[in-house]
PDB file of N, CA and C in Angstrom:
ATOM      1  N   MET A   1     -28.117  12.182  -4.399  1.00  0.00           N
ATOM      2  CA  MET A   1     -27.500  10.884  -4.586  1.00  0.00           C
ATOM      3  C   MET A   1     -26.747  10.831  -5.910  1.00  0.00           C
ATOM      4  N   LYS A   2     -27.345  11.409  -6.966  1.00  0.00           N
ATOM      5  CA  LYS A   2     -26.680  11.404  -8.266  1.00  0.00           C
ATOM      6  C   LYS A   2     -25.386  12.211  -8.203  1.00  0.00           C
ATOM      7  N   ILE A   3     -25.421  13.322  -7.478  1.00  0.00           N
ATOM      8  CA  ILE A   3     -24.221  14.158  -7.364  1.00  0.00           C
ATOM      9  C   ILE A   3     -23.115  13.375  -6.662  1.00  0.00           C
ATOM     10  N   ARG A   4     -23.481  12.658  -5.604  1.00  0.00           N
ATOM     11  CA  ARG A   4     -22.485  11.860  -4.876  1.00  0.00           C
ATOM     12  C   ARG A   4     -21.885  10.797  -5.794  1.00  0.00           C
ATOM     13  N   PHE A   5     -22.736  10.129  -6.580  1.00  0.00           N
ATOM     14  CA  PHE A   5     -22.259   9.107  -7.513  1.00  0.00           C
ATOM     15  C   PHE A   5     -21.339   9.716  -8.554  1.00  0.00           C
ATOM     16  N   LEU A   6     -21.714  10.858  -9.112  1.00  0.00           N
ATOM     17  CA  LEU A   6     -20.886  11.509 -10.131  1.00  0.00           C
ATOM     18  C   LEU A   6     -19.554  11.954  -9.550  1.00  0.00           C
ATOM     19  N   LEU A   7     -19.594  12.463  -8.335  1.00  0.00           N
ATOM     20  CA  LEU A   7     -18.357  12.883  -7.681  1.00  0.00           C
ATOM     21  C   LEU A   7     -17.446  11.681  -7.450  1.00  0.00           C
ATOM     22  N   LEU A   8     -18.005  10.599  -6.965  1.00  0.00           N
ATOM     23  CA  LEU A   8     -17.227   9.385  -6.741  1.00  0.00           C
ATOM     24  C   LEU A   8     -16.644   8.866  -8.047  1.00  0.00           C
ATOM     25  N   ALA A   9     -17.446   8.878  -9.089  1.00  0.00           N
ATOM     26  CA  ALA A   9     -16.972   8.412 -10.394  1.00  0.00           C
ATOM     27  C   ALA A   9     -15.846   9.303 -10.914  1.00  0.00           C
ATOM     28  N   ALA A  10     -15.974  10.605 -10.742  1.00  0.00           N
ATOM     29  CA  ALA A  10     -14.933  11.524 -11.205  1.00  0.00           C
ATOM     30  C   ALA A  10     -13.632  11.316 -10.440  1.00  0.00           C
ATOM     31  N   ILE A  11     -13.732  11.156  -9.144  1.00  0.00           N
ATOM     32  CA  ILE A  11     -12.529  10.925  -8.334  1.00  0.00           C
ATOM     33  C   ILE A  11     -11.870   9.618  -8.746  1.00  0.00           C
ATOM     34  N   THR A  12     -12.669   8.605  -8.948  1.00  0.00           N
ATOM     35  CA  THR A  12     -12.132   7.301  -9.340  1.00  0.00           C
ATOM     36  C   THR A  12     -11.452   7.375 -10.699  1.00  0.00           C
ATOM     37  N   LEU A  13     -12.057   8.061 -11.635  1.00  0.00           N
ATOM     38  CA  LEU A  13     -11.451   8.193 -12.963  1.00  0.00           C
ATOM     39  C   LEU A  13     -10.153   8.973 -12.891  1.00  0.00           C
ATOM     40  N   MET A  14     -10.112  10.019 -12.077  1.00  0.00           N
ATOM     41  CA  MET A  14      -8.887  10.814 -11.945  1.00  0.00           C
ATOM     42  C   MET A  14      -7.768   9.994 -11.334  1.00  0.00           C
ATOM     43  N   SER A  15      -8.120   9.069 -10.443  1.00  0.00           N
ATOM     44  CA  SER A  15      -7.081   8.265  -9.810  1.00  0.00           C
ATOM     45  C   SER A  15      -6.576   7.163 -10.721  1.00  0.00           C
ATOM     46  N   GLY A  16      -7.272   6.928 -11.835  1.00  0.00           N
ATOM     47  CA  GLY A  16      -6.842   5.912 -12.783  1.00  0.00           C
ATOM     48  C   GLY A  16      -7.220   4.505 -12.384  1.00  0.00           C
ATOM     49  N   CYS A  17      -7.997   4.360 -11.332  1.00  0.00           N
ATOM     50  CA  CYS A  17      -8.319   3.033 -10.839  1.00  0.00           C
ATOM     51  C   CYS A  17      -9.513   2.408 -11.531  1.00  0.00           C
ATOM     52  N   ALA A  18     -10.320   3.194 -12.190  1.00  0.00           N
ATOM     53  CA  ALA A  18     -11.537   2.648 -12.771  1.00  0.00           C
ATOM     54  C   ALA A  18     -11.244   1.840 -14.028  1.00  0.00           C
ATOM     55  N   ARG A  19     -10.141   2.144 -14.693  1.00  0.00           N
ATOM     56  CA  ARG A  19      -9.848   1.497 -15.964  1.00  0.00           C
ATOM     57  C   ARG A  19      -8.971   0.269 -15.836  1.00  0.00           C
ATOM     58  N   ALA A  20      -8.214   0.174 -14.789  1.00  0.00           N
ATOM     59  CA  ALA A  20      -7.284  -0.946 -14.659  1.00  0.00           C
ATOM     60  C   ALA A  20      -7.121  -1.294 -13.197  1.00  0.00           C
ATOM     61  N   GLU A  21      -6.681  -2.507 -12.968  1.00  0.00           N
ATOM     62  CA  GLU A  21      -6.405  -2.904 -11.598  1.00  0.00           C
ATOM     63  C   GLU A  21      -5.261  -2.076 -11.048  1.00  0.00           C
ATOM     64  N   CYS A  22      -5.210  -2.020  -9.756  1.00  0.00           N
ATOM     65  CA  CYS A  22      -4.178  -1.235  -9.088  1.00  0.00           C
ATOM     66  C   CYS A  22      -2.858  -2.021  -9.102  1.00  0.00           C
ATOM     67  N   PRO A  23      -1.802  -1.424  -9.618  1.00  0.00           N
ATOM     68  CA  PRO A  23      -0.519  -2.127  -9.622  1.00  0.00           C
ATOM     69  C   PRO A  23       0.079  -2.178  -8.217  1.00  0.00           C
ATOM     70  N   TYR A  24       0.584  -3.342  -7.840  1.00  0.00           N
ATOM     71  CA  TYR A  24       1.191  -3.481  -6.516  1.00  0.00           C
ATOM     72  C   TYR A  24       2.574  -2.830  -6.540  1.00  0.00           C
ATOM     73  N   PRO A  25       2.868  -2.006  -5.537  1.00  0.00           N
ATOM     74  CA  PRO A  25       4.160  -1.309  -5.528  1.00  0.00           C
ATOM     75  C   PRO A  25       5.346  -2.264  -5.378  1.00  0.00           C
ATOM     76  N   LYS A  26       6.438  -1.848  -5.944  1.00  0.00           N
ATOM     77  CA  LYS A  26       7.669  -2.629  -5.846  1.00  0.00           C
ATOM     78  C   LYS A  26       8.339  -2.313  -4.507  1.00  0.00           C
ATOM     79  N   ALA A  27       8.655  -3.350  -3.779  1.00  0.00           N
ATOM     80  CA  ALA A  27       9.319  -3.188  -2.481  1.00  0.00           C
ATOM     81  C   ALA A  27      10.786  -2.827  -2.691  1.00  0.00           C
ATOM     82  N   PRO A  28      11.399  -2.201  -1.688  1.00  0.00           N
ATOM     83  CA  PRO A  28      12.836  -1.924  -1.792  1.00  0.00           C
ATOM     84  C   PRO A  28      13.600  -3.219  -2.075  1.00  0.00           C
ATOM     85  N   GLU A  29      14.533  -3.121  -3.004  1.00  0.00           N
ATOM     86  CA  GLU A  29      15.249  -4.317  -3.448  1.00  0.00           C
ATOM     87  C   GLU A  29      16.261  -4.823  -2.429  1.00  0.00           C
ATOM     88  N   LYS A  30      16.889  -3.900  -1.733  1.00  0.00           N
ATOM     89  CA  LYS A  30      18.015  -4.294  -0.899  1.00  0.00           C
ATOM     90  C   LYS A  30      17.768  -3.908   0.554  1.00  0.00           C
ATOM     91  N   MET A  31      17.975  -4.872   1.440  1.00  0.00           N
ATOM     92  CA  MET A  31      17.890  -4.626   2.870  1.00  0.00           C
ATOM     93  C   MET A  31      19.317  -4.556   3.401  1.00  0.00           C
ATOM     94  N   PRO A  32      19.715  -3.412   3.964  1.00  0.00           N
ATOM     95  CA  PRO A  32      21.086  -3.325   4.459  1.00  0.00           C
ATOM     96  C   PRO A  32      21.272  -4.177   5.716  1.00  0.00           C
ATOM     97  N   ASP A  33      22.474  -4.644   5.894  1.00  0.00           N
ATOM     98  CA  ASP A  33      22.841  -5.341   7.119  1.00  0.00           C
ATOM     99  C   ASP A  33      23.294  -4.267   8.099  1.00  0.00           C
ATOM    100  N   GLY A  34      22.522  -4.035   9.127  1.00  0.00           N
ATOM    101  CA  GLY A  34      22.793  -2.959  10.067  1.00  0.00           C
ATOM    102  C   GLY A  34      24.144  -3.040  10.754  1.00  0.00           C
ATOM    103  N   TYR A  35      24.716  -4.222  10.820  1.00  0.00           N
ATOM    104  CA  TYR A  35      26.003  -4.376  11.501  1.00  0.00           C
ATOM    105  C   TYR A  35      27.192  -4.015  10.612  1.00  0.00           C
ATOM    106  N   ILE A  36      26.968  -3.919   9.305  1.00  0.00           N
ATOM    107  CA  ILE A  36      28.083  -3.560   8.428  1.00  0.00           C
ATOM    108  C   ILE A  36      27.763  -2.389   7.501  1.00  0.00           C
ATOM    109  N   ALA A  37      26.506  -1.945   7.480  1.00  0.00           N
ATOM    110  CA  ALA A  37      26.094  -0.876   6.568  1.00  0.00           C
ATOM    111  C   ALA A  37      26.668   0.474   6.998  1.00  0.00           C
ATOM    112  N   THR A  38      26.896   1.305   6.011  1.00  0.00           N
ATOM    113  CA  THR A  38      27.341   2.669   6.292  1.00  0.00           C
ATOM    114  C   THR A  38      26.123   3.532   6.623  1.00  0.00           C
ATOM    115  N   LYS A  39      26.385   4.709   7.145  1.00  0.00           N
ATOM    116  CA  LYS A  39      25.302   5.649   7.446  1.00  0.00           C
ATOM    117  C   LYS A  39      24.547   6.007   6.160  1.00  0.00           C
ATOM    118  N   ALA A  40      25.276   6.170   5.074  1.00  0.00           N
ATOM    119  CA  ALA A  40      24.652   6.504   3.786  1.00  0.00           C
ATOM    120  C   ALA A  40      23.742   5.369   3.306  1.00  0.00           C
ATOM    121  N   GLU A  41      24.195   4.126   3.482  1.00  0.00           N
ATOM    122  CA  GLU A  41      23.366   2.983   3.076  1.00  0.00           C
ATOM    123  C   GLU A  41      22.093   2.898   3.913  1.00  0.00           C
ATOM    124  N   MET A  42      22.216   3.172   5.191  1.00  0.00           N
ATOM    125  CA  MET A  42      21.037   3.152   6.057  1.00  0.00           C
ATOM    126  C   MET A  42      20.077   4.283   5.688  1.00  0.00           C
ATOM    127  N   ALA A  43      20.615   5.450   5.386  1.00  0.00           N
ATOM    128  CA  ALA A  43      19.774   6.581   4.983  1.00  0.00           C
ATOM    129  C   ALA A  43      19.078   6.288   3.657  1.00  0.00           C
ATOM    130  N   GLN A  44      19.800   5.685   2.736  1.00  0.00           N
ATOM    131  CA  GLN A  44      19.214   5.322   1.444  1.00  0.00           C
ATOM    132  C   GLN A  44      18.086   4.305   1.637  1.00  0.00           C
ATOM    133  N   ALA A  45      18.297   3.343   2.502  1.00  0.00           N
ATOM    134  CA  ALA A  45      17.264   2.339   2.781  1.00  0.00           C
ATOM    135  C   ALA A  45      16.051   2.986   3.450  1.00  0.00           C
ATOM    136  N   GLN A  46      16.301   3.916   4.351  1.00  0.00           N
ATOM    137  CA  GLN A  46      15.188   4.602   5.004  1.00  0.00           C
ATOM    138  C   GLN A  46      14.356   5.366   3.970  1.00  0.00           C
ATOM    139  N   HIS A  47      15.034   6.017   3.046  1.00  0.00           N
ATOM    140  CA  HIS A  47      14.342   6.739   1.976  1.00  0.00           C
ATOM    141  C   HIS A  47      13.515   5.768   1.126  1.00  0.00           C
ATOM    142  N   ALA A  48      14.090   4.619   0.811  1.00  0.00           N
ATOM    143  CA  ALA A  48      13.385   3.613  -0.001  1.00  0.00           C
ATOM    144  C   ALA A  48      12.154   3.089   0.734  1.00  0.00           C
ATOM    145  N   PHE A  49      12.272   2.880   2.029  1.00  0.00           N
ATOM    146  CA  PHE A  49      11.130   2.379   2.790  1.00  0.00           C
ATOM    147  C   PHE A  49      10.057   3.442   2.977  1.00  0.00           C
ATOM    148  N   THR A  50      10.458   4.693   3.080  1.00  0.00           N
ATOM    149  CA  THR A  50       9.476   5.780   3.134  1.00  0.00           C
ATOM    150  C   THR A  50       8.701   5.847   1.824  1.00  0.00           C
ATOM    151  N   ALA A  51       9.406   5.718   0.710  1.00  0.00           N
ATOM    152  CA  ALA A  51       8.748   5.720  -0.608  1.00  0.00           C
ATOM    153  C   ALA A  51       7.825   4.509  -0.749  1.00  0.00           C
ATOM    154  N   PHE A  52       8.259   3.353  -0.260  1.00  0.00           N
ATOM    155  CA  PHE A  52       7.434   2.145  -0.319  1.00  0.00           C
ATOM    156  C   PHE A  52       6.178   2.323   0.530  1.00  0.00           C
ATOM    157  N   ASN A  53       6.323   2.918   1.701  1.00  0.00           N
ATOM    158  CA  ASN A  53       5.173   3.198   2.560  1.00  0.00           C
ATOM    159  C   ASN A  53       4.169   4.087   1.827  1.00  0.00           C
ATOM    160  N   ASP A  54       4.665   5.138   1.187  1.00  0.00           N
ATOM    161  CA  ASP A  54       3.789   6.041   0.432  1.00  0.00           C
ATOM    162  C   ASP A  54       3.110   5.303  -0.721  1.00  0.00           C
ATOM    163  N   ALA A  55       3.855   4.434  -1.380  1.00  0.00           N
ATOM    164  CA  ALA A  55       3.292   3.674  -2.500  1.00  0.00           C
ATOM    165  C   ALA A  55       2.224   2.697  -2.018  1.00  0.00           C
ATOM    166  N   ILE A  56       2.436   2.075  -0.869  1.00  0.00           N
ATOM    167  CA  ILE A  56       1.425   1.176  -0.301  1.00  0.00           C
ATOM    168  C   ILE A  56       0.169   1.966   0.071  1.00  0.00           C
ATOM    169  N   THR A  57       0.352   3.160   0.606  1.00  0.00           N
ATOM    170  CA  THR A  57      -0.794   4.016   0.930  1.00  0.00           C
ATOM    171  C   THR A  57      -1.592   4.328  -0.333  1.00  0.00           C
ATOM    172  N   ASP A  58      -0.895   4.664  -1.412  1.00  0.00           N
ATOM    173  CA  ASP A  58      -1.565   4.933  -2.689  1.00  0.00           C
ATOM    174  C   ASP A  58      -2.256   3.678  -3.214  1.00  0.00           C
ATOM    175  N   TYR A  59      -1.588   2.535  -3.106  1.00  0.00           N
ATOM    176  CA  TYR A  59      -2.145   1.273  -3.574  1.00  0.00           C
ATOM    177  C   TYR A  59      -3.433   0.936  -2.828  1.00  0.00           C
ATOM    178  N   THR A  60      -3.408   1.035  -1.508  1.00  0.00           N
ATOM    179  CA  THR A  60      -4.605   0.681  -0.738  1.00  0.00           C
ATOM    180  C   THR A  60      -5.754   1.648  -1.032  1.00  0.00           C
ATOM    181  N   ALA A  61      -5.439   2.913  -1.251  1.00  0.00           N
ATOM    182  CA  ALA A  61      -6.487   3.868  -1.635  1.00  0.00           C
ATOM    183  C   ALA A  61      -7.068   3.488  -2.997  1.00  0.00           C
ATOM    184  N   CYS A  62      -6.209   3.093  -3.915  1.00  0.00           N
ATOM    185  CA  CYS A  62      -6.651   2.670  -5.246  1.00  0.00           C
ATOM    186  C   CYS A  62      -7.542   1.437  -5.141  1.00  0.00           C
ATOM    187  N   VAL A  63      -7.150   0.475  -4.327  1.00  0.00           N
ATOM    188  CA  VAL A  63      -7.944  -0.745  -4.142  1.00  0.00           C
ATOM    189  C   VAL A  63      -9.325  -0.387  -3.594  1.00  0.00           C
ATOM    190  N   ASP A  64      -9.349   0.492  -2.608  1.00  0.00           N
ATOM    191  CA  ASP A  64     -10.627   0.909  -2.029  1.00  0.00           C
ATOM    192  C   ASP A  64     -11.485   1.631  -3.059  1.00  0.00           C
ATOM    193  N   ASN A  65     -10.863   2.533  -3.821  1.00  0.00           N
ATOM    194  CA  ASN A  65     -11.600   3.266  -4.864  1.00  0.00           C
ATOM    195  C   ASN A  65     -12.103   2.331  -5.952  1.00  0.00           C
ATOM    196  N   GLU A  66     -11.286   1.356  -6.295  1.00  0.00           N
ATOM    197  CA  GLU A  66     -11.673   0.387  -7.327  1.00  0.00           C
ATOM    198  C   GLU A  66     -12.897  -0.408  -6.881  1.00  0.00           C
ATOM    199  N   ALA A  67     -12.927  -0.813  -5.615  1.00  0.00           N
ATOM    200  CA  ALA A  67     -14.079  -1.556  -5.094  1.00  0.00           C
ATOM    201  C   ALA A  67     -15.331  -0.675  -5.124  1.00  0.00           C
ATOM    202  N   GLU A  68     -15.170   0.566  -4.691  1.00  0.00           N
ATOM    203  CA  GLU A  68     -16.309   1.496  -4.715  1.00  0.00           C
ATOM    204  C   GLU A  68     -16.816   1.703  -6.143  1.00  0.00           C
ATOM    205  N   ALA A  69     -15.895   1.792  -7.098  1.00  0.00           N
ATOM    206  CA  ALA A  69     -16.282   1.986  -8.496  1.00  0.00           C
ATOM    207  C   ALA A  69     -17.021   0.757  -9.041  1.00  0.00           C
ATOM    208  N   LYS A  70     -16.552  -0.439  -8.675  1.00  0.00           N
ATOM    209  CA  LYS A  70     -17.230  -1.665  -9.117  1.00  0.00           C
ATOM    210  C   LYS A  70     -18.653  -1.714  -8.563  1.00  0.00           C
ATOM    211  N   ILE A  71     -18.794  -1.346  -7.316  1.00  0.00           N
ATOM    212  CA  ILE A  71     -20.119  -1.359  -6.695  1.00  0.00           C
ATOM    213  C   ILE A  71     -21.011  -0.301  -7.344  1.00  0.00           C
ATOM    214  N   ALA A  72     -20.446   0.873  -7.576  1.00  0.00           N
ATOM    215  CA  ALA A  72     -21.222   1.936  -8.215  1.00  0.00           C
ATOM    216  C   ALA A  72     -21.621   1.546  -9.632  1.00  0.00           C
ATOM    217  N   LYS A  73     -20.712   0.920 -10.347  1.00  0.00           N
ATOM    218  CA  LYS A  73     -20.993   0.499 -11.726  1.00  0.00           C
ATOM    219  C   LYS A  73     -22.089  -0.569 -11.752  1.00  0.00           C
ATOM    220  N   GLY A  74     -22.044  -1.483 -10.794  1.00  0.00           N
ATOM    221  CA  GLY A  74     -23.052  -2.544 -10.736  1.00  0.00           C
ATOM    222  C   GLY A  74     -24.414  -2.040 -10.314  1.00  0.00           C
ATOM    223  N   GLY A  75     -24.399  -0.981  -9.514  1.00  0.00           N
ATOM    224  CA  GLY A  75     -25.649  -0.374  -9.070  1.00  0.00           C
ATOM    225  C   GLY A  75     -26.599  -1.356  -8.410  1.00  0.00           C
ATOM    226  N   LYS A  76     -27.858  -1.207  -8.743  1.00  0.00           N
ATOM    227  CA  LYS A  76     -28.903  -2.028  -8.122  1.00  0.00           C
ATOM    228  C   LYS A  76     -28.917  -3.453  -8.658  1.00  0.00           C
ATOM    229  N   ASP A  77     -28.137  -3.723  -9.705  1.00  0.00           N
ATOM    230  CA  ASP A  77     -28.080  -5.082 -10.255  1.00  0.00           C
ATOM    231  C   ASP A  77     -27.262  -6.023  -9.377  1.00  0.00           C
ATOM    232  N   LEU A  78     -26.428  -5.451  -8.504  1.00  0.00           N
ATOM    233  CA  LEU A  78     -25.603  -6.285  -7.634  1.00  0.00           C
ATOM    234  C   LEU A  78     -26.420  -6.790  -6.448  1.00  0.00           C
ATOM    235  N   THR A  79     -26.200  -8.047  -6.131  1.00  0.00           N
ATOM    236  CA  THR A  79     -26.847  -8.618  -4.944  1.00  0.00           C
ATOM    237  C   THR A  79     -26.011  -8.251  -3.717  1.00  0.00           C
ATOM    238  N   PRO A  80     -26.586  -8.330  -2.532  1.00  0.00           N
ATOM    239  CA  PRO A  80     -25.792  -8.079  -1.323  1.00  0.00           C
ATOM    240  C   PRO A  80     -24.565  -8.994  -1.235  1.00  0.00           C
ATOM    241  N   GLU A  81     -24.699 -10.210  -1.716  1.00  0.00           N
ATOM    242  CA  GLU A  81     -23.562 -11.146  -1.695  1.00  0.00           C
ATOM    243  C   GLU A  81     -22.444 -10.683  -2.623  1.00  0.00           C
ATOM    244  N   GLN A  82     -22.821 -10.171  -3.789  1.00  0.00           N
ATOM    245  CA  GLN A  82     -21.810  -9.668  -4.726  1.00  0.00           C
ATOM    246  C   GLN A  82     -21.103  -8.445  -4.155  1.00  0.00           C
ATOM    247  N   ILE A  83     -21.853  -7.578  -3.518  1.00  0.00           N
ATOM    248  CA  ILE A  83     -21.254  -6.391  -2.893  1.00  0.00           C
ATOM    249  C   ILE A  83     -20.295  -6.828  -1.795  1.00  0.00           C
ATOM    250  N   LYS A  84     -20.730  -7.804  -1.000  1.00  0.00           N
ATOM    251  CA  LYS A  84     -19.859  -8.319   0.067  1.00  0.00           C
ATOM    252  C   LYS A  84     -18.590  -8.919  -0.521  1.00  0.00           C
ATOM    253  N   GLN A  85     -18.726  -9.662  -1.619  1.00  0.00           N
ATOM    254  CA  GLN A  85     -17.548 -10.271  -2.250  1.00  0.00           C
ATOM    255  C   GLN A  85     -16.578  -9.199  -2.741  1.00  0.00           C
ATOM    256  N   ILE A  86     -17.091  -8.160  -3.371  1.00  0.00           N
ATOM    257  CA  ILE A  86     -16.232  -7.059  -3.851  1.00  0.00           C
ATOM    258  C   ILE A  86     -15.517  -6.412  -2.667  1.00  0.00           C
ATOM    259  N   ASN A  87     -16.265  -6.141  -1.604  1.00  0.00           N
ATOM    260  CA  ASN A  87     -15.653  -5.524  -0.424  1.00  0.00           C
ATOM    261  C   ASN A  87     -14.653  -6.454   0.257  1.00  0.00           C
ATOM    262  N   ASP A  88     -14.982  -7.745   0.314  1.00  0.00           N
ATOM    263  CA  ASP A  88     -14.066  -8.716   0.931  1.00  0.00           C
ATOM    264  C   ASP A  88     -12.757  -8.821   0.143  1.00  0.00           C
ATOM    265  N   GLU A  89     -12.852  -8.824  -1.184  1.00  0.00           N
ATOM    266  CA  GLU A  89     -11.642  -8.884  -2.020  1.00  0.00           C
ATOM    267  C   GLU A  89     -10.781  -7.642  -1.804  1.00  0.00           C
ATOM    268  N   ALA A  90     -11.422  -6.485  -1.730  1.00  0.00           N
ATOM    269  CA  ALA A  90     -10.676  -5.250  -1.497  1.00  0.00           C
ATOM    270  C   ALA A  90     -10.020  -5.266  -0.121  1.00  0.00           C
ATOM    271  N   THR A  91     -10.749  -5.736   0.864  1.00  0.00           N
ATOM    272  CA  THR A  91     -10.204  -5.816   2.223  1.00  0.00           C
ATOM    273  C   THR A  91      -9.021  -6.768   2.277  1.00  0.00           C
ATOM    274  N   GLN A  92      -9.131  -7.897   1.559  1.00  0.00           N
ATOM    275  CA  GLN A  92      -8.039  -8.876   1.532  1.00  0.00           C
ATOM    276  C   GLN A  92      -6.783  -8.258   0.901  1.00  0.00           C
ATOM    277  N   LYS A  93      -6.939  -7.569  -0.219  1.00  0.00           N
ATOM    278  CA  LYS A  93      -5.793  -6.914  -0.870  1.00  0.00           C
ATOM    279  C   LYS A  93      -5.204  -5.839   0.038  1.00  0.00           C
ATOM    280  N   HIS A  94      -6.079  -5.060   0.630  1.00  0.00           N
ATOM    281  CA  HIS A  94      -5.667  -3.976   1.517  1.00  0.00           C
ATOM    282  C   HIS A  94      -4.872  -4.532   2.697  1.00  0.00           C
ATOM    283  N   ASP A  95      -5.449  -5.525   3.366  1.00  0.00           N
ATOM    284  CA  ASP A  95      -4.800  -6.109   4.543  1.00  0.00           C
ATOM    285  C   ASP A  95      -3.486  -6.798   4.197  1.00  0.00           C
ATOM    286  N   ALA A  96      -3.440  -7.485   3.057  1.00  0.00           N
ATOM    287  CA  ALA A  96      -2.197  -8.160   2.642  1.00  0.00           C
ATOM    288  C   ALA A  96      -1.090  -7.139   2.382  1.00  0.00           C
ATOM    289  N   ALA A  97      -1.441  -6.019   1.779  1.00  0.00           N
ATOM    290  CA  ALA A  97      -0.442  -4.981   1.512  1.00  0.00           C
ATOM    291  C   ALA A  97       0.090  -4.396   2.813  1.00  0.00           C
ATOM    292  N   VAL A  98      -0.810  -4.132   3.752  1.00  0.00           N
ATOM    293  CA  VAL A  98      -0.390  -3.584   5.042  1.00  0.00           C
ATOM    294  C   VAL A  98       0.465  -4.594   5.792  1.00  0.00           C
ATOM    295  N   ASP A  99       0.084  -5.864   5.759  1.00  0.00           N
ATOM    296  CA  ASP A  99       0.884  -6.909   6.412  1.00  0.00           C
ATOM    297  C   ASP A  99       2.276  -6.999   5.795  1.00  0.00           C
ATOM    298  N   ASP A 100       2.350  -6.927   4.466  1.00  0.00           N
ATOM    299  CA  ASP A 100       3.636  -6.962   3.764  1.00  0.00           C
ATOM    300  C   ASP A 100       4.501  -5.777   4.202  1.00  0.00           C
ATOM    301  N   LEU A 101       3.899  -4.598   4.198  1.00  0.00           N
ATOM    302  CA  LEU A 101       4.633  -3.394   4.612  1.00  0.00           C
ATOM    303  C   LEU A 101       5.132  -3.531   6.037  1.00  0.00           C
ATOM    304  N   GLU A 102       4.268  -3.940   6.941  1.00  0.00           N
ATOM    305  CA  GLU A 102       4.659  -4.066   8.348  1.00  0.00           C
ATOM    306  C   GLU A 102       5.795  -5.062   8.538  1.00  0.00           C
ATOM    307  N   ALA A 103       5.742  -6.182   7.831  1.00  0.00           N
ATOM    308  CA  ALA A 103       6.803  -7.192   7.949  1.00  0.00           C
ATOM    309  C   ALA A 103       8.129  -6.642   7.446  1.00  0.00           C
ATOM    310  N   ARG A 104       8.099  -5.941   6.320  1.00  0.00           N
ATOM    311  CA  ARG A 104       9.334  -5.382   5.763  1.00  0.00           C
ATOM    312  C   ARG A 104       9.890  -4.269   6.650  1.00  0.00           C
ATOM    313  N   VAL A 105       9.007  -3.451   7.183  1.00  0.00           N
ATOM    314  CA  VAL A 105       9.447  -2.366   8.066  1.00  0.00           C
ATOM    315  C   VAL A 105      10.031  -2.947   9.349  1.00  0.00           C
ATOM    316  N   GLU A 106       9.423  -3.988   9.887  1.00  0.00           N
ATOM    317  CA  GLU A 106       9.969  -4.623  11.083  1.00  0.00           C
ATOM    318  C   GLU A 106      11.357  -5.195  10.810  1.00  0.00           C
ATOM    319  N   GLN A 107      11.535  -5.786   9.638  1.00  0.00           N
ATOM    320  CA  GLN A 107      12.847  -6.310   9.265  1.00  0.00           C
ATOM    321  C   GLN A 107      13.858  -5.160   9.171  1.00  0.00           C
ATOM    322  N   PHE A 108      13.443  -4.061   8.556  1.00  0.00           N
ATOM    323  CA  PHE A 108      14.329  -2.901   8.453  1.00  0.00           C
ATOM    324  C   PHE A 108      14.638  -2.343   9.842  1.00  0.00           C
ATOM    325  N   ASN A 109      13.637  -2.264  10.697  1.00  0.00           N
ATOM    326  CA  ASN A 109      13.859  -1.745  12.051  1.00  0.00           C
ATOM    327  C   ASN A 109      14.845  -2.609  12.827  1.00  0.00           C
ATOM    328  N   THR A 110      14.831  -3.909  12.585  1.00  0.00           N
ATOM    329  CA  THR A 110      15.818  -4.800  13.204  1.00  0.00           C
ATOM    330  C   THR A 110      17.217  -4.416  12.756  1.00  0.00           C
ATOM    331  N   GLU A 111      17.365  -4.124  11.467  1.00  0.00           N
ATOM    332  CA  GLU A 111      18.673  -3.704  10.956  1.00  0.00           C
ATOM    333  C   GLU A 111      19.076  -2.337  11.523  1.00  0.00           C
ATOM    334  N   VAL A 112      18.118  -1.451  11.704  1.00  0.00           N
ATOM    335  CA  VAL A 112      18.409  -0.141  12.301  1.00  0.00           C
ATOM    336  C   VAL A 112      18.896  -0.323  13.737  1.00  0.00           C
ATOM    337  N   ARG A 113      18.245  -1.199  14.486  1.00  0.00           N
ATOM    338  CA  ARG A 113      18.698  -1.456  15.858  1.00  0.00           C
ATOM    339  C   ARG A 113      20.118  -2.009  15.862  1.00  0.00           C
ATOM    340  N   GLY A 114      20.420  -2.899  14.919  1.00  0.00           N
ATOM    341  CA  GLY A 114      21.789  -3.416  14.808  1.00  0.00           C
ATOM    342  C   GLY A 114      22.776  -2.315  14.492  1.00  0.00           C
ATOM    343  N   TYR A 115      22.398  -1.442  13.576  1.00  0.00           N
ATOM    344  CA  TYR A 115      23.258  -0.317  13.205  1.00  0.00           C
ATOM    345  C   TYR A 115      23.490   0.580  14.421  1.00  0.00           C
ATOM    346  N   ASN A 116      22.424   0.907  15.140  1.00  0.00           N
ATOM    347  CA  ASN A 116      22.545   1.782  16.307  1.00  0.00           C
ATOM    348  C   ASN A 116      23.387   1.138  17.407  1.00  0.00           C
ATOM    349  N   GLU A 117      23.242  -0.161  17.580  1.00  0.00           N
ATOM    350  CA  GLU A 117      24.044  -0.877  18.575  1.00  0.00           C
ATOM    351  C   GLU A 117      25.527  -0.792  18.229  1.00  0.00           C
ATOM    352  N   LEU A 118      25.826  -0.969  16.955  1.00  0.00           N
ATOM    353  CA  LEU A 118      27.211  -0.892  16.502  1.00  0.00           C
ATOM    354  C   LEU A 118      27.767   0.511  16.709  1.00  0.00           C
ATOM    355  N   GLN A 119      26.963   1.525  16.454  1.00  0.00           N
ATOM    356  CA  GLN A 119      27.417   2.904  16.613  1.00  0.00           C
ATOM    357  C   GLN A 119      27.714   3.241  18.076  1.00  0.00           C
ATOM    358  N   LYS A 120      26.975   2.651  19.001  1.00  0.00           N
ATOM    359  CA  LYS A 120      27.211   2.876  20.428  1.00  0.00           C
ATOM    360  C   LYS A 120      28.547   2.273  20.875  1.00  0.00           C
ATOM    361  N   GLN A 121      28.957   1.195  20.195  1.00  0.00           N
ATOM    362  CA  GLN A 121      30.193   0.508  20.555  1.00  0.00           C
ATOM    363  C   GLN A 121      31.424   1.261  20.066  1.00  0.00           C
ATOM    364  N   LYS A 122      31.236   2.164  19.113  1.00  0.00           N
ATOM    365  CA  LYS A 122      32.386   2.882  18.530  1.00  0.00           C
ATOM    366  C   LYS A 122      32.847   3.991  19.438  1.00  0.00           C
TER     367      LYS A 122
END
């Protein structure tokens, strides 16, 4: 059990999550209009959304690690209610980030469909 705790603590420290809250990733600034965007603009937006997806994945992992570290740090002093609260807060942050990502990706996919529709007409 001690080895598992030490391993978890080491992983958490390496990820940088134990010392500070997890910074929320910056979303792509510009959403292209698929009906007027160039191929290069659409490719640039796709790259930005791929990077945002990766950043959200890192963020949610950090949030999960941070919750685990808080629980590990509290140890046996934490009540079941406190553990539940820590886990609920992490789940809320995790779910909100995924919802944000999904909404932005759906918006981008709408623009991609517009772009593809325009390309078929040419």
